[in-house]
Amino acid sequence: MKKNTKHILYFAVTFWLITTAFVMFLFWPLISQEIKYLFGEKTNDPPQEKVIQGTKDNDRIKYDVPNKVSIPKIGVDAPIVEAATFEERDILKALESGVAHYPNTALPGEVGNVFLTGHSSNYSWAKGNFNYVFSILNKITTGDKIYVYYDQHLYTYDVFEIVIVGPKDTSVLQQINDSIISIMTCDPPGTNWKRRVVKARQIDPDPKNNKQIEFELVIPPELVGN
């Protein structure tokens, strides 16, 4: 009887260890992001980027950096990639190289809704180095800062709202008479159930000088994410 009990205990412990190791393997990228956030420095200060000396555009400093989005509080620093269309294949292709800018939404420096999307998780075999870029977007709260470098200019945004919507709720893509940015990712990380959308309002430079653009926004059937 004791021998059988030992065998059962041995197999139970072995099964537990194997299962734990497998789960850790699958979710390690998500776990590591949580650990980095827990022990890392949390700041809302803009990144220090190289200035193009002696060049200004309308009295604004120009930076020698590609188009990108930076959220220092959660360690995000990723290229902005223009998606060819809002079709899933084109959005996913853009996400291999960074975060995707939804077609026919505003660009930084324009009045409207600059809409970016990025992965919170992805399959371990999926292409790209940004499969977990927004895995801890849920750490962002109102008042946090988002920085966008676009066309060598810096735009600063202040988070004012966070919403959770379903994948078919495309209202978050709507263009408005304001200068905001919307950052979207799947929520919770590791699922495709909902979409977390962080909205932030441009505070620098003065959005009163932004361009007014007429949009012909084509609404997709659902919000692509992962």
Protein backbone atom coordinates (compact mmCIF):
# COMPACT_ATOMS: atom_id res chain seq x y z
CA MET A 1 0.00 0.00 0.00
CA LYS A 2 2.79 2.38 0.97
CA LYS A 3 4.64 1.52 -2.24
CA ASN A 4 1.59 2.42 -4.35
CA THR A 5 1.18 5.69 -2.45
CA LYS A 6 4.80 6.60 -3.16
CA HIS A 7 4.32 5.86 -6.87
CA ILE A 8 1.19 7.99 -7.02
CA LEU A 9 2.94 10.84 -5.20
CA TYR A 10 5.96 10.55 -7.49
CA PHE A 11 3.83 10.72 -10.64
CA ALA A 12 1.76 13.61 -9.23
CA VAL A 13 4.87 15.66 -8.43
CA THR A 14 6.42 14.84 -11.81
CA PHE A 15 3.21 15.81 -13.62
CA TRP A 16 3.05 19.08 -11.65
CA LEU A 17 6.67 19.94 -12.46
CA ILE A 18 6.25 19.20 -16.17
CA THR A 19 2.99 21.16 -16.36
CA THR A 20 4.52 24.13 -14.52
CA ALA A 21 7.58 24.10 -16.78
CA PHE A 22 5.35 23.97 -19.87
CA VAL A 23 3.19 26.87 -18.68
CA MET A 24 6.29 28.90 -17.80
CA PHE A 25 7.69 28.21 -21.27
CA LEU A 26 4.48 29.35 -22.97
CA PHE A 27 3.96 32.47 -20.89
CA TRP A 28 7.54 33.45 -20.05
CA PRO A 29 7.54 36.54 -22.33
CA LEU A 30 4.47 37.85 -20.47
CA ILE A 31 5.91 36.93 -17.07
CA SER A 32 9.27 38.55 -17.87
CA GLN A 33 7.55 41.80 -18.86
CA GLU A 34 5.73 41.83 -15.52
CA ILE A 35 9.01 41.24 -13.67
CA LYS A 36 10.77 44.03 -15.58
CA TYR A 37 7.93 46.42 -14.76
CA LEU A 38 7.89 45.41 -11.09
CA PHE A 39 11.60 46.00 -10.56
CA GLY A 40 12.32 48.55 -13.30
CA GLU A 41 12.46 52.32 -13.10
CA LYS A 42 9.11 53.95 -13.84
CA THR A 43 9.26 57.33 -15.51
CA ASN A 44 7.11 59.56 -17.66
CA ASP A 45 10.04 61.57 -19.00
CA PRO A 46 10.62 61.62 -22.77
CA PRO A 47 13.52 59.58 -24.15
CA GLN A 48 16.72 61.44 -24.97
CA GLU A 49 17.09 61.41 -28.73
CA LYS A 50 19.67 62.90 -31.06
CA VAL A 51 18.83 66.43 -32.21
CA ILE A 52 19.63 67.51 -35.76
CA GLN A 53 21.88 70.44 -34.98
CA GLY A 54 21.17 73.79 -36.61
CA THR A 55 17.84 72.69 -38.10
CA LYS A 56 14.42 73.81 -37.04
CA ASP A 57 11.05 73.56 -38.71
CA ASN A 58 8.66 76.37 -37.73
CA ASP A 59 10.81 76.96 -34.63
CA ARG A 60 10.49 73.31 -33.61
CA ILE A 61 13.42 71.05 -32.83
CA LYS A 62 14.00 68.23 -35.29
CA TYR A 63 15.20 64.80 -34.16
CA ASP A 64 17.33 62.29 -36.01
CA VAL A 65 15.02 59.35 -35.30
CA PRO A 66 12.57 57.25 -37.36
CA ASN A 67 8.84 57.38 -36.77
CA LYS A 68 8.15 55.63 -33.46
CA VAL A 69 6.04 55.57 -30.30
CA SER A 70 7.55 55.68 -26.83
CA ILE A 71 5.80 54.96 -23.52
CA PRO A 72 8.59 55.20 -20.93
CA LYS A 73 6.48 54.00 -17.98
CA ILE A 74 6.18 50.51 -19.50
CA GLY A 75 9.41 50.48 -21.50
CA VAL A 76 7.82 50.72 -24.94
CA ASP A 77 9.95 52.09 -27.76
CA ALA A 78 8.70 50.77 -31.11
CA PRO A 79 8.68 51.79 -34.78
CA ILE A 80 5.43 52.99 -36.30
CA VAL A 81 4.65 51.02 -39.46
CA GLU A 82 2.01 52.08 -41.97
CA ALA A 83 -0.39 49.23 -42.67
CA ALA A 84 -1.23 48.93 -46.37
CA THR A 85 -4.95 48.37 -45.64
CA PHE A 86 -7.10 47.50 -42.61
CA GLU A 87 -7.32 43.89 -43.83
CA GLU A 88 -6.06 41.43 -41.21
CA ARG A 89 -3.17 40.17 -43.34
CA ASP A 90 -1.85 43.72 -43.86
CA ILE A 91 -2.22 44.72 -40.21
CA LEU A 92 -0.45 41.55 -39.07
CA LYS A 93 2.31 42.08 -41.64
CA ALA A 94 2.92 45.59 -40.28
CA LEU A 95 2.98 44.23 -36.71
CA GLU A 96 6.00 42.08 -37.57
CA SER A 97 8.10 45.25 -37.68
CA GLY A 98 6.58 47.37 -34.92
CA VAL A 99 3.18 48.85 -34.13
CA ALA A 100 0.72 49.45 -36.95
CA HIS A 101 -0.89 52.75 -37.88
CA TYR A 102 -4.44 52.13 -39.05
CA PRO A 103 -5.00 53.47 -42.60
CA ASN A 104 -7.14 56.58 -43.03
CA THR A 105 -6.79 57.69 -39.43
CA ALA A 106 -5.04 60.91 -38.45
CA LEU A 107 -1.27 61.31 -38.38
CA PRO A 108 0.61 63.21 -35.69
CA GLY A 109 0.28 66.92 -36.44
CA GLU A 110 -3.26 66.51 -37.80
CA VAL A 111 -6.59 67.07 -36.09
CA GLY A 112 -8.21 63.71 -35.46
CA ASN A 113 -7.59 60.30 -33.92
CA VAL A 114 -4.13 58.80 -34.53
CA PHE A 115 -4.86 55.07 -34.20
CA LEU A 116 -2.06 52.61 -33.42
CA THR A 117 -2.30 48.92 -32.63
CA GLY A 118 0.24 46.39 -31.40
CA HIS A 119 0.50 42.88 -29.99
CA SER A 120 0.05 42.09 -26.31
CA SER A 121 1.04 38.49 -27.05
CA ASN A 122 1.47 36.16 -29.98
CA TYR A 123 2.38 32.60 -30.90
CA SER A 124 5.95 31.72 -29.94
CA TRP A 125 6.73 30.84 -33.57
CA ALA A 126 5.28 34.05 -35.02
CA LYS A 127 7.60 36.35 -36.95
CA GLY A 128 8.73 39.69 -35.57
CA ASN A 129 10.43 41.25 -32.55
CA PHE A 130 7.37 43.11 -31.26
CA ASN A 131 5.02 40.26 -30.36
CA TYR A 132 4.71 41.48 -26.75
CA VAL A 133 5.19 45.22 -27.22
CA PHE A 134 1.95 46.13 -25.39
CA SER A 135 1.78 43.15 -23.00
CA ILE A 136 1.69 45.48 -19.97
CA LEU A 137 -0.37 48.28 -21.48
CA ASN A 138 -2.73 47.59 -18.58
CA LYS A 139 -0.25 49.37 -16.29
CA ILE A 140 -1.01 52.69 -17.98
CA THR A 141 -3.28 55.06 -16.06
CA THR A 142 -4.71 58.52 -16.70
CA GLY A 143 -2.06 61.21 -16.55
CA ASP A 144 0.69 59.02 -18.00
CA LYS A 145 2.57 60.31 -21.04
CA ILE A 146 2.91 58.91 -24.56
CA TYR A 147 5.56 60.28 -26.92
CA VAL A 148 5.50 60.00 -30.68
CA TYR A 149 8.34 60.90 -33.00
CA TYR A 150 6.92 61.52 -36.44
CA ASP A 151 8.54 63.19 -39.43
CA GLN A 152 11.46 64.09 -37.10
CA HIS A 153 9.18 66.01 -34.72
CA LEU A 154 8.21 65.11 -31.15
CA TYR A 155 4.55 64.98 -30.08
CA THR A 156 3.57 64.60 -26.43
CA TYR A 157 0.24 63.11 -25.38
CA ASP A 158 -1.44 62.90 -21.97
CA VAL A 159 -3.59 59.84 -21.20
CA PHE A 160 -7.19 60.81 -20.38
CA GLU A 161 -9.23 57.64 -20.89
CA ILE A 162 -8.90 53.85 -21.01
CA VAL A 163 -11.66 51.68 -22.43
CA ILE A 164 -12.21 47.96 -22.96
CA VAL A 165 -14.23 47.09 -26.06
CA GLY A 166 -15.15 44.04 -28.09
CA PRO A 167 -13.36 43.28 -31.38
CA LYS A 168 -16.40 44.38 -33.38
CA ASP A 169 -16.70 47.75 -31.60
CA THR A 170 -15.01 49.90 -34.24
CA SER A 171 -16.29 53.16 -32.73
CA VAL A 172 -12.81 53.71 -31.26
CA LEU A 173 -11.56 54.36 -34.81
CA GLN A 174 -13.84 57.33 -35.34
CA GLN A 175 -12.20 60.62 -36.26
CA ILE A 176 -13.05 63.56 -34.01
CA ASN A 177 -12.48 67.31 -33.91
CA ASP A 178 -9.64 66.92 -31.42
CA SER A 179 -6.01 65.86 -31.52
CA ILE A 180 -5.69 62.52 -29.78
CA ILE A 181 -3.89 59.22 -30.08
CA SER A 182 -5.45 55.80 -29.44
CA ILE A 183 -3.24 52.83 -28.56
CA MET A 184 -4.97 49.44 -28.91
CA THR A 185 -4.01 45.90 -27.97
CA CYS A 186 -5.74 42.64 -27.10
CA ASP A 187 -6.89 42.17 -23.53
CA PRO A 188 -6.23 40.25 -21.35
CA PRO A 189 -2.76 39.40 -22.70
CA GLY A 190 -2.64 35.88 -24.09
CA THR A 191 -6.23 36.10 -25.35
CA ASN A 192 -8.11 37.60 -28.26
CA TRP A 193 -11.33 38.30 -26.35
CA LYS A 194 -11.35 42.08 -25.89
CA ARG A 195 -9.46 45.20 -26.97
CA ARG A 196 -7.86 47.64 -24.53
CA VAL A 197 -7.71 51.17 -25.93
CA VAL A 198 -5.64 53.86 -24.24
CA LYS A 199 -6.59 57.37 -25.35
CA ALA A 200 -4.32 60.37 -24.90
CA ARG A 201 -4.65 64.02 -25.88
CA GLN A 202 -1.89 66.00 -27.57
CA ILE A 203 -0.43 68.60 -25.20
CA ASP A 204 2.75 69.55 -27.04
CA PRO A 205 3.14 71.18 -29.47
CA ASP A 206 -0.01 73.27 -29.23
CA PRO A 207 -2.66 71.23 -31.11
CA LYS A 208 -4.31 74.47 -32.27
CA ASN A 209 -1.67 74.53 -35.01
CA ASN A 210 -2.51 71.01 -36.27
CA LYS A 211 -3.74 70.52 -39.82
CA GLN A 212 -7.43 70.00 -40.54
CA ILE A 213 -7.83 66.94 -42.76
CA GLU A 214 -10.92 65.50 -44.40
CA PHE A 215 -11.06 61.74 -43.81
CA GLU A 216 -12.87 59.09 -45.78
CA LEU A 217 -12.66 56.49 -43.07
CA VAL A 218 -13.57 52.98 -44.15
CA ILE A 219 -14.68 51.07 -41.09
CA PRO A 220 -13.34 47.48 -40.94
CA PRO A 221 -15.59 44.61 -39.79
CA GLU A 222 -13.57 44.20 -36.60
CA LEU A 223 -10.47 45.43 -34.82
CA VAL A 224 -7.46 43.28 -35.68
CA GLY A 225 -5.31 42.47 -32.70
CA ASN A 226 -3.40 39.79 -30.83
